[in-house]
Every structure is written in C-alpha cells, then in structure tokens.
Amino acid sequence: MTEETQSSLRHHLAAIGRDILVLGSLCAMLGGIIIAVSRPYWEPFAKMPENVATIQRQILEIQRQIAANIRPEIVDFRTAIAVEDQVTQGGTLTVLYHLRRNASCGTAVEPIFLDVDVNVPFYGSEVPAQRAPVTDEFINFPVTVAIPRNMPPGRYVYTPRITPEQCGVYGEMRVMPTTVFEVVARST
C-alpha cells in the first residue's frame, strides 16, 4: 500500500468516525427531546409500581382500622354529661348518658376518674352494673356514680371500663369520658 492510499484510508476512517459521532449526538439529542415531549404519556406508567405499593399499604391500614372498629360493643354512647359541676369526696355524681343498649347481659363496671389537669387516673372499686334491656334507639339514661372518699380534690372526667359477663361477642370496652366536674374536699 502506498503512502497516498494509507493517507486516504486514514482520512476516510476519520470521516467515518466523525460521522458516527455526529449521528450518535444527533440520535441522543432527538431521543432526549422525544423523551421530554412524551413524558406526560409514559411517566404514569413508570410510577405505577410505586403507586400500586402505596395504595396497597393504604388499603391494609384501612382494613386494620376497620377491623379494630368493627368489634361490637354492648353499649353505644353518643354523649356523657356530668350533671353536677361540683361534688364532694364520698358523695355522688349523676351522669346523663345518651346511649343505645345492644345486649342485655350482666356487666361489671370499673370506675375510672381521670384528673384532667395532671392526666392521672384514679380507680374506684369495681361494681356490678344495672342489667338494662336492649334498646332500638338512643335514649337518655341517668347513672349515679359514687365518688370515693379518698379521691384527691381536682377537676375530673368519669370514663369507666365495662366488662360484660358471659355475653358472646361483646368484650370489655372503655366508656366515653363525661364533661369535666370538680371534686372538692368534704367539710369536717
């Protein structure tokens, strides 16, 4: 091969390399433009696995919350009003409930008084509850609650725990808190 042929061959190879680089750059630029322009059309499909995983997590959380709330309760409460604003240690408190009774079973009630200023519970002695009939609609139902003699003075809500006795699907439940009332020291 002559030197002129070798020089021509190198010139042609350099031209081919240059053309390949120009075409490659042109293809990359066109590909980038096509991807940018078509992004609104393909991006939702690209994010689909992530979105499906998020939706599955949300569905599981909703199912867990529903399962926790589906448990039937022996009594459904709408309101709980402490009729007296102030009671003395060892006295009584009248609570007016707006409730619907779902089963007529024997129940035990554990009185729990929550001090609203320091968020500390005070527990009373467990007592049997009145055996009440089933109601179809919500009714007003007054309950007299004994205030323990050793209960410290302060502002409280009454939120007892009810435990049905041999009542099928109905289990222990916490009653909604009453409105705030004050316990004052008894005069001696």
C-alpha atoms as a PDB file:
ATOM      1  CA  MET A   1       0.000   0.000   0.000  1.00  0.00           C
ATOM      2  CA  THR A   2       1.290   3.315  -0.939  1.00  0.00           C
ATOM      3  CA  GLU A   3       1.530   6.216   1.351  1.00  0.00           C
ATOM      4  CA  GLU A   4      -1.114   8.063  -0.611  1.00  0.00           C
ATOM      5  CA  THR A   5      -3.551   5.137  -0.180  1.00  0.00           C
ATOM      6  CA  GLN A   6      -2.802   4.937   3.537  1.00  0.00           C
ATOM      7  CA  SER A   7      -3.377   8.665   3.937  1.00  0.00           C
ATOM      8  CA  SER A   8      -6.638   8.421   2.007  1.00  0.00           C
ATOM      9  CA  LEU A   9      -7.721   5.441   4.131  1.00  0.00           C
ATOM     10  CA  ARG A  10      -6.944   7.334   7.366  1.00  0.00           C
ATOM     11  CA  HIS A  11      -8.824  10.333   6.068  1.00  0.00           C
ATOM     12  CA  HIS A  12     -11.864   8.162   5.248  1.00  0.00           C
ATOM     13  CA  LEU A  13     -11.691   6.414   8.684  1.00  0.00           C
ATOM     14  CA  ALA A  14     -11.530   9.797  10.431  1.00  0.00           C
ATOM     15  CA  ALA A  15     -14.504  10.994   8.374  1.00  0.00           C
ATOM     16  CA  ILE A  16     -16.469   7.833   9.253  1.00  0.00           C
ATOM     17  CA  GLY A  17     -15.640   8.300  12.973  1.00  0.00           C
ATOM     18  CA  ARG A  18     -16.685  11.940  12.792  1.00  0.00           C
ATOM     19  CA  ASP A  19     -19.951  10.983  11.031  1.00  0.00           C
ATOM     20  CA  ILE A  20     -20.652   8.291  13.653  1.00  0.00           C
ATOM     21  CA  LEU A  21     -20.105  10.829  16.450  1.00  0.00           C
ATOM     22  CA  VAL A  22     -22.345  13.392  14.739  1.00  0.00           C
ATOM     23  CA  LEU A  23     -25.086  10.806  14.136  1.00  0.00           C
ATOM     24  CA  GLY A  24     -24.766   9.498  17.718  1.00  0.00           C
ATOM     25  CA  SER A  25     -25.063  13.027  19.118  1.00  0.00           C
ATOM     26  CA  LEU A  26     -27.996  13.729  16.851  1.00  0.00           C
ATOM     27  CA  CYS A  27     -29.740  10.489  17.974  1.00  0.00           C
ATOM     28  CA  ALA A  28     -29.090  11.266  21.643  1.00  0.00           C
ATOM     29  CA  MET A  29     -30.449  14.790  21.227  1.00  0.00           C
ATOM     30  CA  LEU A  30     -33.528  13.546  19.342  1.00  0.00           C
ATOM     31  CA  GLY A  31     -34.053  10.810  21.957  1.00  0.00           C
ATOM     32  CA  GLY A  32     -33.881  13.386  24.752  1.00  0.00           C
ATOM     33  CA  ILE A  33     -36.389  15.623  23.004  1.00  0.00           C
ATOM     34  CA  ILE A  34     -38.744  12.682  22.348  1.00  0.00           C
ATOM     35  CA  ILE A  35     -38.481  11.551  25.997  1.00  0.00           C
ATOM     36  CA  ALA A  36     -39.121  15.090  27.271  1.00  0.00           C
ATOM     37  CA  VAL A  37     -42.090  15.650  24.964  1.00  0.00           C
ATOM     38  CA  SER A  38     -43.656  12.225  25.613  1.00  0.00           C
ATOM     39  CA  ARG A  39     -43.035  12.273  29.416  1.00  0.00           C
ATOM     40  CA  PRO A  40     -46.689  13.107  30.349  1.00  0.00           C
ATOM     41  CA  TYR A  41     -47.765   9.989  28.456  1.00  0.00           C
ATOM     42  CA  TRP A  42     -45.319   7.382  29.795  1.00  0.00           C
ATOM     43  CA  GLU A  43     -44.464   8.747  33.276  1.00  0.00           C
ATOM     44  CA  PRO A  44     -47.665   7.498  34.976  1.00  0.00           C
ATOM     45  CA  PHE A  45     -46.822   4.003  33.768  1.00  0.00           C
ATOM     46  CA  ALA A  46     -43.260   4.309  35.047  1.00  0.00           C
ATOM     47  CA  LYS A  47     -44.539   5.314  38.521  1.00  0.00           C
ATOM     48  CA  MET A  48     -47.250   2.631  38.539  1.00  0.00           C
ATOM     49  CA  PRO A  49     -45.385   0.025  40.678  1.00  0.00           C
ATOM     50  CA  GLU A  50     -44.651   2.678  43.328  1.00  0.00           C
ATOM     51  CA  ASN A  51     -48.256   3.937  43.251  1.00  0.00           C
ATOM     52  CA  VAL A  52     -49.651   0.403  43.489  1.00  0.00           C
ATOM     53  CA  ALA A  53     -47.433  -0.309  46.506  1.00  0.00           C
ATOM     54  CA  THR A  54     -48.616   2.918  48.187  1.00  0.00           C
ATOM     55  CA  ILE A  55     -52.264   2.053  47.516  1.00  0.00           C
ATOM     56  CA  GLN A  56     -51.754  -1.469  48.892  1.00  0.00           C
ATOM     57  CA  ARG A  57     -50.258  -0.028  52.110  1.00  0.00           C
ATOM     58  CA  GLN A  58     -53.208   2.373  52.436  1.00  0.00           C
ATOM     59  CA  ILE A  59     -55.701  -0.459  51.888  1.00  0.00           C
ATOM     60  CA  LEU A  60     -54.012  -2.590  54.564  1.00  0.00           C
ATOM     61  CA  GLU A  61     -54.098   0.340  57.013  1.00  0.00           C
ATOM     62  CA  ILE A  62     -57.791   0.970  56.315  1.00  0.00           C
ATOM     63  CA  GLN A  63     -58.565  -2.742  56.740  1.00  0.00           C
ATOM     64  CA  ARG A  64     -56.697  -2.749  60.065  1.00  0.00           C
ATOM     65  CA  GLN A  65     -58.638   0.300  61.269  1.00  0.00           C
ATOM     66  CA  ILE A  66     -61.964  -1.186  60.177  1.00  0.00           C
ATOM     67  CA  ALA A  67     -61.182  -4.490  61.885  1.00  0.00           C
ATOM     68  CA  ALA A  68     -60.338  -2.627  65.097  1.00  0.00           C
ATOM     69  CA  ASN A  69     -63.608  -0.672  64.961  1.00  0.00           C
ATOM     70  CA  ILE A  70     -65.898  -3.489  63.873  1.00  0.00           C
ATOM     71  CA  ARG A  71     -65.864  -5.222  67.235  1.00  0.00           C
ATOM     72  CA  PRO A  72     -69.424  -4.933  68.525  1.00  0.00           C
ATOM     73  CA  GLU A  73     -69.898  -3.091  71.799  1.00  0.00           C
ATOM     74  CA  ILE A  74     -72.521  -3.884  74.386  1.00  0.00           C
ATOM     75  CA  VAL A  75     -73.494  -0.192  74.606  1.00  0.00           C
ATOM     76  CA  ASP A  76     -73.130   2.614  72.046  1.00  0.00           C
ATOM     77  CA  PHE A  77     -72.689   6.074  73.566  1.00  0.00           C
ATOM     78  CA  ARG A  78     -73.343   9.482  71.999  1.00  0.00           C
ATOM     79  CA  THR A  79     -72.933  11.812  74.993  1.00  0.00           C
ATOM     80  CA  ALA A  80     -71.916  11.633  78.632  1.00  0.00           C
ATOM     81  CA  ILE A  81     -72.760  14.693  80.726  1.00  0.00           C
ATOM     82  CA  ALA A  82     -71.757  15.165  84.355  1.00  0.00           C
ATOM     83  CA  VAL A  83     -74.920  16.796  85.720  1.00  0.00           C
ATOM     84  CA  GLU A  84     -73.224  18.399  88.751  1.00  0.00           C
ATOM     85  CA  ASP A  85     -70.332  20.778  88.240  1.00  0.00           C
ATOM     86  CA  GLN A  86     -69.027  20.152  91.749  1.00  0.00           C
ATOM     87  CA  VAL A  87     -69.196  17.099  94.050  1.00  0.00           C
ATOM     88  CA  THR A  88     -67.646  16.289  97.409  1.00  0.00           C
ATOM     89  CA  GLN A  89     -65.378  13.404  98.301  1.00  0.00           C
ATOM     90  CA  GLY A  90     -67.567  10.441  99.274  1.00  0.00           C
ATOM     91  CA  GLY A  91     -70.612  11.994  97.565  1.00  0.00           C
ATOM     92  CA  THR A  92     -72.329  11.008  94.352  1.00  0.00           C
ATOM     93  CA  LEU A  93     -72.236  12.261  90.786  1.00  0.00           C
ATOM     94  CA  THR A  94     -75.135  11.957  88.357  1.00  0.00           C
ATOM     95  CA  VAL A  95     -74.065  11.223  84.784  1.00  0.00           C
ATOM     96  CA  LEU A  96     -76.602  11.533  81.987  1.00  0.00           C
ATOM     97  CA  TYR A  97     -75.755   9.227  79.085  1.00  0.00           C
ATOM     98  CA  HIS A  98     -77.380   9.243  75.677  1.00  0.00           C
ATOM     99  CA  LEU A  99     -76.968   5.584  74.758  1.00  0.00           C
ATOM    100  CA  ARG A 100     -78.253   2.534  72.963  1.00  0.00           C
ATOM    101  CA  ARG A 101     -78.007  -0.851  74.683  1.00  0.00           C
ATOM    102  CA  ASN A 102     -77.160  -3.676  72.237  1.00  0.00           C
ATOM    103  CA  ALA A 103     -77.361  -6.667  74.603  1.00  0.00           C
ATOM    104  CA  SER A 104     -78.879  -7.381  77.994  1.00  0.00           C
ATOM    105  CA  CYS A 105     -76.016  -9.069  79.818  1.00  0.00           C
ATOM    106  CA  GLY A 106     -74.636  -8.763  83.287  1.00  0.00           C
ATOM    107  CA  THR A 107     -71.694  -6.349  83.367  1.00  0.00           C
ATOM    108  CA  ALA A 108     -69.064  -5.210  85.811  1.00  0.00           C
ATOM    109  CA  VAL A 109     -68.087  -1.535  85.870  1.00  0.00           C
ATOM    110  CA  GLU A 110     -64.656  -0.339  86.956  1.00  0.00           C
ATOM    111  CA  PRO A 111     -64.970   3.376  87.818  1.00  0.00           C
ATOM    112  CA  ILE A 112     -62.087   5.398  86.420  1.00  0.00           C
ATOM    113  CA  PHE A 113     -61.796   9.098  87.176  1.00  0.00           C
ATOM    114  CA  LEU A 114     -59.204  10.950  85.103  1.00  0.00           C
ATOM    115  CA  ASP A 115     -57.698  14.119  86.597  1.00  0.00           C
ATOM    116  CA  VAL A 116     -57.733  16.440  83.593  1.00  0.00           C
ATOM    117  CA  ASP A 117     -55.096  18.804  84.987  1.00  0.00           C
ATOM    118  CA  VAL A 118     -52.359  16.201  85.520  1.00  0.00           C
ATOM    119  CA  ASN A 119     -53.714  13.351  83.326  1.00  0.00           C
ATOM    120  CA  VAL A 120     -53.611  10.820  86.165  1.00  0.00           C
ATOM    121  CA  PRO A 121     -56.340   8.194  86.593  1.00  0.00           C
ATOM    122  CA  PHE A 122     -57.990   7.419  89.939  1.00  0.00           C
ATOM    123  CA  TYR A 123     -59.614   3.977  90.148  1.00  0.00           C
ATOM    124  CA  GLY A 124     -62.691   3.138  92.174  1.00  0.00           C
ATOM    125  CA  SER A 125     -63.906  -0.300  93.288  1.00  0.00           C
ATOM    126  CA  GLU A 126     -65.495  -2.484  90.611  1.00  0.00           C
ATOM    127  CA  VAL A 127     -69.284  -2.743  90.923  1.00  0.00           C
ATOM    128  CA  PRO A 128     -71.972  -4.699  89.060  1.00  0.00           C
ATOM    129  CA  ALA A 129     -73.975  -2.596  86.614  1.00  0.00           C
ATOM    130  CA  GLN A 130     -77.715  -2.339  86.287  1.00  0.00           C
ATOM    131  CA  ARG A 131     -78.974  -5.034  83.924  1.00  0.00           C
ATOM    132  CA  ALA A 132     -80.800  -2.947  81.327  1.00  0.00           C
ATOM    133  CA  PRO A 133     -82.976  -4.041  78.411  1.00  0.00           C
ATOM    134  CA  VAL A 134     -81.905  -3.770  74.777  1.00  0.00           C
ATOM    135  CA  THR A 135     -82.977  -0.507  73.107  1.00  0.00           C
ATOM    136  CA  ASP A 136     -83.571   0.077  69.410  1.00  0.00           C
ATOM    137  CA  GLU A 137     -82.898   3.801  69.577  1.00  0.00           C
ATOM    138  CA  PHE A 138     -80.681   6.070  71.625  1.00  0.00           C
ATOM    139  CA  ILE A 139     -82.226   7.024  74.961  1.00  0.00           C
ATOM    140  CA  ASN A 140     -81.266   9.241  77.906  1.00  0.00           C
ATOM    141  CA  PHE A 141     -80.075   7.107  80.804  1.00  0.00           C
ATOM    142  CA  PRO A 142     -79.014   8.636  84.159  1.00  0.00           C
ATOM    143  CA  VAL A 143     -76.395   6.830  86.245  1.00  0.00           C
ATOM    144  CA  THR A 144     -75.426   7.644  89.829  1.00  0.00           C
ATOM    145  CA  VAL A 145     -71.700   7.250  90.447  1.00  0.00           C
ATOM    146  CA  ALA A 146     -70.168   7.047  93.920  1.00  0.00           C
ATOM    147  CA  ILE A 147     -67.181   9.352  94.403  1.00  0.00           C
ATOM    148  CA  PRO A 148     -64.507   7.605  96.536  1.00  0.00           C
ATOM    149  CA  ARG A 149     -63.873   9.213  99.922  1.00  0.00           C
ATOM    150  CA  ASN A 150     -60.103   9.208  99.378  1.00  0.00           C
ATOM    151  CA  MET A 151     -60.213  10.829  95.933  1.00  0.00           C
ATOM    152  CA  PRO A 152     -57.980  13.911  95.828  1.00  0.00           C
ATOM    153  CA  PRO A 153     -59.677  17.238  95.084  1.00  0.00           C
ATOM    154  CA  GLY A 154     -59.357  18.371  91.482  1.00  0.00           C
ATOM    155  CA  ARG A 155     -61.023  18.512  88.082  1.00  0.00           C
ATOM    156  CA  TYR A 156     -62.007  15.120  86.641  1.00  0.00           C
ATOM    157  CA  VAL A 157     -63.848  13.278  83.892  1.00  0.00           C
ATOM    158  CA  TYR A 158     -65.502   9.921  84.505  1.00  0.00           C
ATOM    159  CA  THR A 159     -64.589   7.244  81.946  1.00  0.00           C
ATOM    160  CA  PRO A 160     -65.357   3.765  83.310  1.00  0.00           C
ATOM    161  CA  ARG A 161     -64.387   0.374  81.889  1.00  0.00           C
ATOM    162  CA  ILE A 162     -67.309  -2.014  81.262  1.00  0.00           C
ATOM    163  CA  THR A 163     -66.733  -5.771  81.215  1.00  0.00           C
ATOM    164  CA  PRO A 164     -69.667  -7.906  80.007  1.00  0.00           C
ATOM    165  CA  GLU A 165     -70.022 -11.251  81.774  1.00  0.00           C
ATOM    166  CA  GLN A 166     -70.671 -14.251  79.512  1.00  0.00           C
ATOM    167  CA  CYS A 167     -72.073 -12.102  76.731  1.00  0.00           C
ATOM    168  CA  GLY A 168     -70.969 -13.763  73.484  1.00  0.00           C
ATOM    169  CA  VAL A 169     -69.162 -11.449  71.070  1.00  0.00           C
ATOM    170  CA  TYR A 170     -69.261  -8.449  73.396  1.00  0.00           C
ATOM    171  CA  GLY A 171     -65.991  -7.725  75.149  1.00  0.00           C
ATOM    172  CA  GLU A 172     -64.525  -5.197  77.509  1.00  0.00           C
ATOM    173  CA  MET A 173     -64.914  -1.576  76.483  1.00  0.00           C
ATOM    174  CA  ARG A 174     -63.989   1.885  77.704  1.00  0.00           C
ATOM    175  CA  VAL A 175     -66.891   4.338  78.015  1.00  0.00           C
ATOM    176  CA  MET A 176     -66.529   7.818  76.562  1.00  0.00           C
ATOM    177  CA  PRO A 177     -65.475  10.482  79.097  1.00  0.00           C
ATOM    178  CA  THR A 178     -68.028  12.771  80.721  1.00  0.00           C
ATOM    179  CA  THR A 179     -67.877  16.513  80.778  1.00  0.00           C
ATOM    180  CA  VAL A 180     -65.480  17.946  83.379  1.00  0.00           C
ATOM    181  CA  PHE A 181     -66.596  18.155  87.013  1.00  0.00           C
ATOM    182  CA  GLU A 182     -64.786  19.214  90.171  1.00  0.00           C
ATOM    183  CA  VAL A 183     -64.236  17.149  93.311  1.00  0.00           C
ATOM    184  CA  VAL A 184     -63.875  19.238  96.450  1.00  0.00           C
ATOM    185  CA  ALA A 185     -62.742  18.202  99.908  1.00  0.00           C
ATOM    186  CA  ARG A 186     -65.594  17.269 102.237  1.00  0.00           C
ATOM    187  CA  SER A 187     -66.060  19.604 105.137  1.00  0.00           C
ATOM    188  CA  THR A 188     -65.343  18.102 108.531  1.00  0.00           C
END
